[in-house]
Amino acid sequence: MKAVYVRYQVDPAFADVNAENIRRVMSDLRESGSDGVRYQSFRESDGVTFVHFGMYRDEAALEAFTSRPSFQAFQKALKESKPAKPPAAEWLELVGSSYDVF
């Protein structure tokens, strides 16, 4: 299993657009029934800081997720918005879970 935590800050004028782009990715994942992906995104109380947490069954699931057109469009728009603090990814090692992840 692979897990990643990503945090970044966007310009206030882009925050709602970013949230909508994230919702498109989530809708796409739900419609596709991606069993090998568990993905959440959160907006902090400042309204401009976003946190993403993704878990992938394996490298193939990660690759399938990152190659999705909806995710690529999200990433492109985020990059073009010139984030106030660019995305910083931290890969995580699962120590334990109260539920079966996959």
C-alpha atoms as a PDB file:
ATOM      1  CA  MET A   1       0.000   0.000   0.000  1.00  0.00           C
ATOM      2  CA  LYS A   2       1.076   3.567  -0.711  1.00  0.00           C
ATOM      3  CA  ALA A   3      -0.162   6.611   1.209  1.00  0.00           C
ATOM      4  CA  VAL A   4       0.500  10.311   0.659  1.00  0.00           C
ATOM      5  CA  TYR A   5      -0.333  13.543   2.469  1.00  0.00           C
ATOM      6  CA  VAL A   6      -0.234  16.768   0.417  1.00  0.00           C
ATOM      7  CA  ARG A   7      -0.721  20.322   1.700  1.00  0.00           C
ATOM      8  CA  TYR A   8      -0.718  23.655  -0.164  1.00  0.00           C
ATOM      9  CA  GLN A   9      -2.162  27.178  -0.169  1.00  0.00           C
ATOM     10  CA  VAL A  10      -3.898  28.876  -3.064  1.00  0.00           C
ATOM     11  CA  ASP A  11      -4.688  32.504  -3.815  1.00  0.00           C
ATOM     12  CA  PRO A  12      -8.074  33.443  -2.284  1.00  0.00           C
ATOM     13  CA  ALA A  13      -9.473  34.179  -5.763  1.00  0.00           C
ATOM     14  CA  PHE A  14      -8.743  30.579  -6.815  1.00  0.00           C
ATOM     15  CA  ALA A  15      -9.913  28.767  -3.670  1.00  0.00           C
ATOM     16  CA  ASP A  16     -13.511  28.055  -4.775  1.00  0.00           C
ATOM     17  CA  VAL A  17     -12.353  27.015  -8.254  1.00  0.00           C
ATOM     18  CA  ASN A  18      -9.848  24.632  -6.674  1.00  0.00           C
ATOM     19  CA  ALA A  19     -12.564  23.146  -4.466  1.00  0.00           C
ATOM     20  CA  GLU A  20     -14.781  22.589  -7.503  1.00  0.00           C
ATOM     21  CA  ASN A  21     -11.907  20.958  -9.411  1.00  0.00           C
ATOM     22  CA  ILE A  22     -11.378  18.601  -6.454  1.00  0.00           C
ATOM     23  CA  ARG A  23     -15.091  17.733  -6.463  1.00  0.00           C
ATOM     24  CA  ARG A  24     -14.797  16.774 -10.155  1.00  0.00           C
ATOM     25  CA  VAL A  25     -11.957  14.380  -9.345  1.00  0.00           C
ATOM     26  CA  MET A  26     -13.979  12.846  -6.501  1.00  0.00           C
ATOM     27  CA  SER A  27     -17.053  12.473  -8.696  1.00  0.00           C
ATOM     28  CA  ASP A  28     -14.939  10.792 -11.365  1.00  0.00           C
ATOM     29  CA  LEU A  29     -13.488   8.370  -8.792  1.00  0.00           C
ATOM     30  CA  ARG A  30     -16.945   7.495  -7.459  1.00  0.00           C
ATOM     31  CA  GLU A  31     -18.332   6.910 -10.951  1.00  0.00           C
ATOM     32  CA  SER A  32     -15.385   4.727 -11.942  1.00  0.00           C
ATOM     33  CA  GLY A  33     -15.605   2.557  -8.827  1.00  0.00           C
ATOM     34  CA  SER A  34     -11.857   2.784  -8.211  1.00  0.00           C
ATOM     35  CA  ASP A  35     -11.507   0.047  -5.588  1.00  0.00           C
ATOM     36  CA  GLY A  36      -7.749   0.477  -5.282  1.00  0.00           C
ATOM     37  CA  VAL A  37      -7.933   4.167  -4.311  1.00  0.00           C
ATOM     38  CA  ARG A  38      -9.032   5.865  -1.091  1.00  0.00           C
ATOM     39  CA  TYR A  39      -8.770   9.637  -1.481  1.00  0.00           C
ATOM     40  CA  GLN A  40      -9.951  12.572   0.607  1.00  0.00           C
ATOM     41  CA  SER A  41      -9.403  16.299   0.401  1.00  0.00           C
ATOM     42  CA  PHE A  42      -9.990  18.916   3.068  1.00  0.00           C
ATOM     43  CA  ARG A  43     -10.057  22.705   3.199  1.00  0.00           C
ATOM     44  CA  GLU A  44      -8.634  24.314   6.329  1.00  0.00           C
ATOM     45  CA  SER A  45     -10.475  27.071   8.210  1.00  0.00           C
ATOM     46  CA  ASP A  46      -8.420  29.816   6.518  1.00  0.00           C
ATOM     47  CA  GLY A  47     -10.268  28.932   3.292  1.00  0.00           C
ATOM     48  CA  VAL A  48      -7.117  28.789   1.151  1.00  0.00           C
ATOM     49  CA  THR A  49      -5.156  25.845   2.546  1.00  0.00           C
ATOM     50  CA  PHE A  50      -5.997  22.427   1.136  1.00  0.00           C
ATOM     51  CA  VAL A  51      -4.932  19.020   2.408  1.00  0.00           C
ATOM     52  CA  HIS A  52      -5.174  15.818   0.382  1.00  0.00           C
ATOM     53  CA  PHE A  53      -4.794  12.308   1.753  1.00  0.00           C
ATOM     54  CA  GLY A  54      -4.563   9.416  -0.666  1.00  0.00           C
ATOM     55  CA  MET A  55      -4.142   5.700  -0.160  1.00  0.00           C
ATOM     56  CA  TYR A  56      -3.475   3.341  -3.041  1.00  0.00           C
ATOM     57  CA  ARG A  57      -3.594  -0.446  -2.970  1.00  0.00           C
ATOM     58  CA  ASP A  58      -0.382  -0.631  -4.999  1.00  0.00           C
ATOM     59  CA  GLU A  59       1.753   1.189  -7.562  1.00  0.00           C
ATOM     60  CA  ALA A  60      -0.686   0.281 -10.367  1.00  0.00           C
ATOM     61  CA  ALA A  61      -3.588   1.948  -8.504  1.00  0.00           C
ATOM     62  CA  LEU A  62      -1.461   5.057  -7.926  1.00  0.00           C
ATOM     63  CA  GLU A  63      -0.541   5.206 -11.608  1.00  0.00           C
ATOM     64  CA  ALA A  64      -4.156   4.705 -12.687  1.00  0.00           C
ATOM     65  CA  PHE A  65      -5.246   7.538 -10.374  1.00  0.00           C
ATOM     66  CA  THR A  66      -2.580  10.052 -11.421  1.00  0.00           C
ATOM     67  CA  SER A  67      -3.202   9.375 -15.114  1.00  0.00           C
ATOM     68  CA  ARG A  68      -6.976  10.081 -14.878  1.00  0.00           C
ATOM     69  CA  PRO A  69      -7.923  13.086 -17.048  1.00  0.00           C
ATOM     70  CA  SER A  70      -9.866  14.662 -14.165  1.00  0.00           C
ATOM     71  CA  PHE A  71      -6.819  14.522 -11.874  1.00  0.00           C
ATOM     72  CA  GLN A  72      -4.497  15.805 -14.578  1.00  0.00           C
ATOM     73  CA  ALA A  73      -6.875  18.733 -15.255  1.00  0.00           C
ATOM     74  CA  PHE A  74      -6.990  19.487 -11.511  1.00  0.00           C
ATOM     75  CA  GLN A  75      -3.179  19.478 -11.287  1.00  0.00           C
ATOM     76  CA  LYS A  76      -2.796  21.653 -14.389  1.00  0.00           C
ATOM     77  CA  ALA A  77      -5.243  24.277 -13.095  1.00  0.00           C
ATOM     78  CA  LEU A  78      -3.581  24.281  -9.676  1.00  0.00           C
ATOM     79  CA  LYS A  79      -0.119  24.757 -11.180  1.00  0.00           C
ATOM     80  CA  GLU A  80      -1.331  27.537 -13.482  1.00  0.00           C
ATOM     81  CA  SER A  81      -2.902  29.335 -10.489  1.00  0.00           C
ATOM     82  CA  LYS A  82       0.586  29.806  -9.018  1.00  0.00           C
ATOM     83  CA  PRO A  83      -0.188  28.637  -5.459  1.00  0.00           C
ATOM     84  CA  ALA A  84       0.912  30.869  -2.566  1.00  0.00           C
ATOM     85  CA  LYS A  85       2.527  27.732  -1.072  1.00  0.00           C
ATOM     86  CA  PRO A  86       3.058  24.989  -3.649  1.00  0.00           C
ATOM     87  CA  PRO A  87       2.019  21.409  -2.928  1.00  0.00           C
ATOM     88  CA  ALA A  88       4.330  19.571  -0.549  1.00  0.00           C
ATOM     89  CA  ALA A  89       3.893  15.796  -0.586  1.00  0.00           C
ATOM     90  CA  GLU A  90       4.820  13.529   2.279  1.00  0.00           C
ATOM     91  CA  TRP A  91       4.762   9.781   1.640  1.00  0.00           C
ATOM     92  CA  LEU A  92       3.566   7.863   4.691  1.00  0.00           C
ATOM     93  CA  GLU A  93       4.050   4.388   6.113  1.00  0.00           C
ATOM     94  CA  LEU A  94       0.945   2.767   7.603  1.00  0.00           C
ATOM     95  CA  VAL A  95       1.583   1.748  11.200  1.00  0.00           C
ATOM     96  CA  GLY A  96      -1.924   0.529  11.991  1.00  0.00           C
ATOM     97  CA  SER A  97      -5.603   1.008  11.168  1.00  0.00           C
ATOM     98  CA  SER A  98      -8.886   0.357  12.959  1.00  0.00           C
ATOM     99  CA  TYR A  99     -10.403  -0.837   9.674  1.00  0.00           C
ATOM    100  CA  ASP A 100      -9.356  -2.749   6.567  1.00  0.00           C
ATOM    101  CA  VAL A 101      -7.958  -0.187   4.162  1.00  0.00           C
ATOM    102  CA  PHE A 102      -8.251  -2.480   1.143  1.00  0.00           C
END
